[in-house]
Amino acid sequence: MLAPAPPVGERRGDPPANTTNRAWIVAGTQAPVCQACHNIFDSIGFGLGYFDALGRFSTTEHGLPVDPSGTLLGMPFVDHLGLAALLANTRKAQDCFAQQWLTYAVGRNLGDADGPSLAAVQARFAATSQDIPSLIAAVAGSAAFLAP
């Protein structure tokens, strides 16, 4: 059984050895002031629950099973693979992916003048059902990439 959560803002350190990170976070964020934000982002973190802070995979914590399920955008997922699938199928994530490729390719942060290039790269990526070779071709052919 978990001890009662400390007052908001007083929680420090790692969860006790008799619980999982998820149970510890849920127990410590029940206050309405906490839930205003935690309802938004906890599911993403829970979806990565099979991975520790160093990225090591495990289905247990302290001998207890990890529950990596959650809900994102009103759609449930069962683990990190389901979370990734949900994200990969959103236009916002696809646009962000294309933007990161263009940013990396030009070697600088994108500015206002790069807006048309970014829009064209994002549109091509969407039109090709997120085909990576087509994304690379769109980036390489963009004015932002070709400009000195």
Protein backbone atom coordinates (compact mmCIF):
# COMPACT_ATOMS: atom_id res chain seq x y z
CA MET A 1 0.00 0.00 0.00
CA LEU A 2 1.26 3.43 -0.89
CA ALA A 3 1.74 6.05 1.74
CA PRO A 4 -0.35 9.19 1.28
CA ALA A 5 1.16 11.60 -1.21
CA PRO A 6 3.05 14.57 0.21
CA PRO A 7 1.65 18.06 -0.33
CA VAL A 8 1.95 19.44 -3.86
CA GLY A 9 5.50 20.50 -4.64
CA GLU A 10 7.12 18.49 -1.84
CA ARG A 11 7.72 15.23 -3.73
CA ARG A 12 11.41 14.53 -4.29
CA GLY A 13 13.55 11.61 -5.39
CA ASP A 14 12.65 8.22 -6.73
CA PRO A 15 9.51 6.21 -5.99
CA PRO A 16 9.72 3.78 -3.09
CA ALA A 17 10.85 0.22 -3.84
CA ASN A 18 7.32 -1.16 -3.32
CA THR A 19 5.68 0.65 -6.24
CA THR A 20 6.05 1.56 -9.91
CA ASN A 21 6.73 5.01 -11.30
CA ARG A 22 3.21 5.12 -12.68
CA ALA A 23 1.56 4.33 -9.34
CA TRP A 24 3.80 6.85 -7.60
CA ILE A 25 2.99 9.60 -10.10
CA VAL A 26 -0.75 8.88 -10.04
CA ALA A 27 -0.80 8.89 -6.24
CA GLY A 28 1.11 12.17 -6.07
CA THR A 29 -0.85 14.09 -8.68
CA GLN A 30 -4.46 13.59 -7.60
CA ALA A 31 -4.95 17.23 -6.60
CA PRO A 32 -7.03 19.18 -9.15
CA VAL A 33 -4.24 21.73 -9.50
CA CYS A 34 -1.91 18.88 -10.59
CA GLN A 35 -4.43 17.16 -12.84
CA ALA A 36 -4.88 20.28 -14.96
CA CYS A 37 -1.53 19.43 -16.60
CA HIS A 38 -0.96 15.77 -15.72
CA ASN A 39 -4.15 14.75 -17.57
CA ILE A 40 -2.50 16.09 -20.71
CA PHE A 41 0.99 14.62 -20.59
CA ASP A 42 1.06 11.64 -18.23
CA SER A 43 -0.20 9.18 -20.85
CA ILE A 44 2.78 9.92 -23.09
CA GLY A 45 5.19 9.20 -20.25
CA PHE A 46 3.24 6.11 -19.20
CA GLY A 47 3.44 4.86 -22.78
CA LEU A 48 7.22 4.84 -22.40
CA GLY A 49 6.96 2.95 -19.10
CA TYR A 50 8.86 -0.09 -20.33
CA PHE A 51 11.99 2.07 -20.56
CA ASP A 52 14.00 3.33 -17.59
CA ALA A 53 15.84 6.65 -17.42
CA LEU A 54 18.73 5.12 -19.37
CA GLY A 55 16.50 3.66 -22.08
CA ARG A 56 16.79 0.07 -20.87
CA PHE A 57 13.75 -2.10 -21.60
CA SER A 58 11.97 -3.96 -18.80
CA THR A 59 8.39 -5.07 -18.24
CA THR A 60 8.77 -4.81 -14.45
CA GLU A 61 9.78 -2.23 -11.86
CA HIS A 62 10.74 -3.39 -8.38
CA GLY A 63 9.32 -6.79 -9.32
CA LEU A 64 5.93 -5.30 -10.19
CA PRO A 65 4.47 -5.33 -13.72
CA VAL A 66 4.63 -2.06 -15.64
CA ASP A 67 1.40 -0.73 -17.16
CA PRO A 68 2.42 1.24 -20.30
CA SER A 69 -1.12 1.88 -21.51
CA GLY A 70 -2.68 5.28 -21.95
CA THR A 71 -4.82 7.54 -24.07
CA LEU A 72 -3.69 10.18 -26.54
CA LEU A 73 -6.03 12.43 -28.48
CA GLY A 74 -8.91 10.39 -27.08
CA MET A 75 -7.52 7.16 -28.54
CA PRO A 76 -6.21 4.35 -26.32
CA PHE A 77 -2.88 2.62 -26.78
CA VAL A 78 -1.37 -0.38 -24.98
CA ASP A 79 2.37 0.39 -25.04
CA HIS A 80 5.15 2.39 -26.70
CA LEU A 81 4.44 0.81 -30.09
CA GLY A 82 0.80 1.86 -29.93
CA LEU A 83 1.82 5.34 -28.80
CA ALA A 84 4.24 5.61 -31.72
CA ALA A 85 1.56 4.47 -34.16
CA LEU A 86 -0.88 7.08 -32.86
CA LEU A 87 1.69 9.83 -33.15
CA ALA A 88 2.86 8.70 -36.59
CA ASN A 89 -0.70 8.94 -37.88
CA THR A 90 -1.25 12.56 -36.85
CA ARG A 91 -0.61 15.32 -39.37
CA LYS A 92 0.98 17.50 -36.70
CA ALA A 93 3.61 14.84 -35.91
CA GLN A 94 4.20 14.21 -39.62
CA ASP A 95 4.70 17.95 -40.23
CA CYS A 96 7.08 18.12 -37.26
CA PHE A 97 9.05 15.15 -38.63
CA ALA A 98 9.42 16.86 -42.01
CA GLN A 99 10.40 20.12 -40.33
CA GLN A 100 13.14 18.37 -38.34
CA TRP A 101 14.56 16.85 -41.54
CA LEU A 102 14.65 20.25 -43.24
CA THR A 103 16.17 21.93 -40.18
CA TYR A 104 18.90 19.31 -39.97
CA ALA A 105 19.60 19.47 -43.70
CA VAL A 106 20.08 23.24 -43.78
CA GLY A 107 22.15 23.19 -40.59
CA ARG A 108 20.34 26.04 -38.87
CA ASN A 109 17.03 26.99 -37.33
CA LEU A 110 14.38 27.76 -39.90
CA GLY A 111 13.29 31.37 -40.27
CA ASP A 112 10.30 33.15 -41.76
CA ALA A 113 11.92 33.11 -45.21
CA ASP A 114 11.96 29.29 -45.06
CA GLY A 115 8.18 29.10 -44.71
CA PRO A 116 7.49 28.30 -48.38
CA SER A 117 10.18 25.60 -48.42
CA LEU A 118 8.85 24.06 -45.24
CA ALA A 119 5.28 24.08 -46.52
CA ALA A 120 6.36 22.42 -49.77
CA VAL A 121 8.39 19.74 -47.95
CA GLN A 122 5.52 19.01 -45.56
CA ALA A 123 3.00 18.84 -48.42
CA ARG A 124 5.19 16.43 -50.40
CA PHE A 125 5.69 14.22 -47.36
CA ALA A 126 1.93 14.11 -46.78
CA ALA A 127 1.13 13.54 -50.46
CA THR A 128 3.47 10.54 -50.61
CA SER A 129 1.98 8.87 -47.51
CA GLN A 130 5.06 9.69 -45.45
CA ASP A 131 7.55 8.12 -47.84
CA ILE A 132 11.03 8.88 -46.46
CA PRO A 133 12.89 8.84 -49.82
CA SER A 134 10.33 11.35 -51.15
CA LEU A 135 10.86 13.49 -48.05
CA ILE A 136 14.61 13.47 -48.61
CA ALA A 137 14.14 14.44 -52.27
CA ALA A 138 11.80 17.27 -51.26
CA VAL A 139 14.29 18.55 -48.70
CA ALA A 140 17.20 18.33 -51.15
CA GLY A 141 15.20 20.17 -53.81
CA SER A 142 13.92 22.91 -51.51
CA ALA A 143 15.00 26.52 -51.88
CA ALA A 144 16.05 26.55 -48.21
CA PHE A 145 18.50 23.70 -48.86
CA LEU A 146 19.75 24.95 -52.22
CA ALA A 147 20.31 28.55 -51.10
CA PRO A 148 23.85 29.37 -49.94
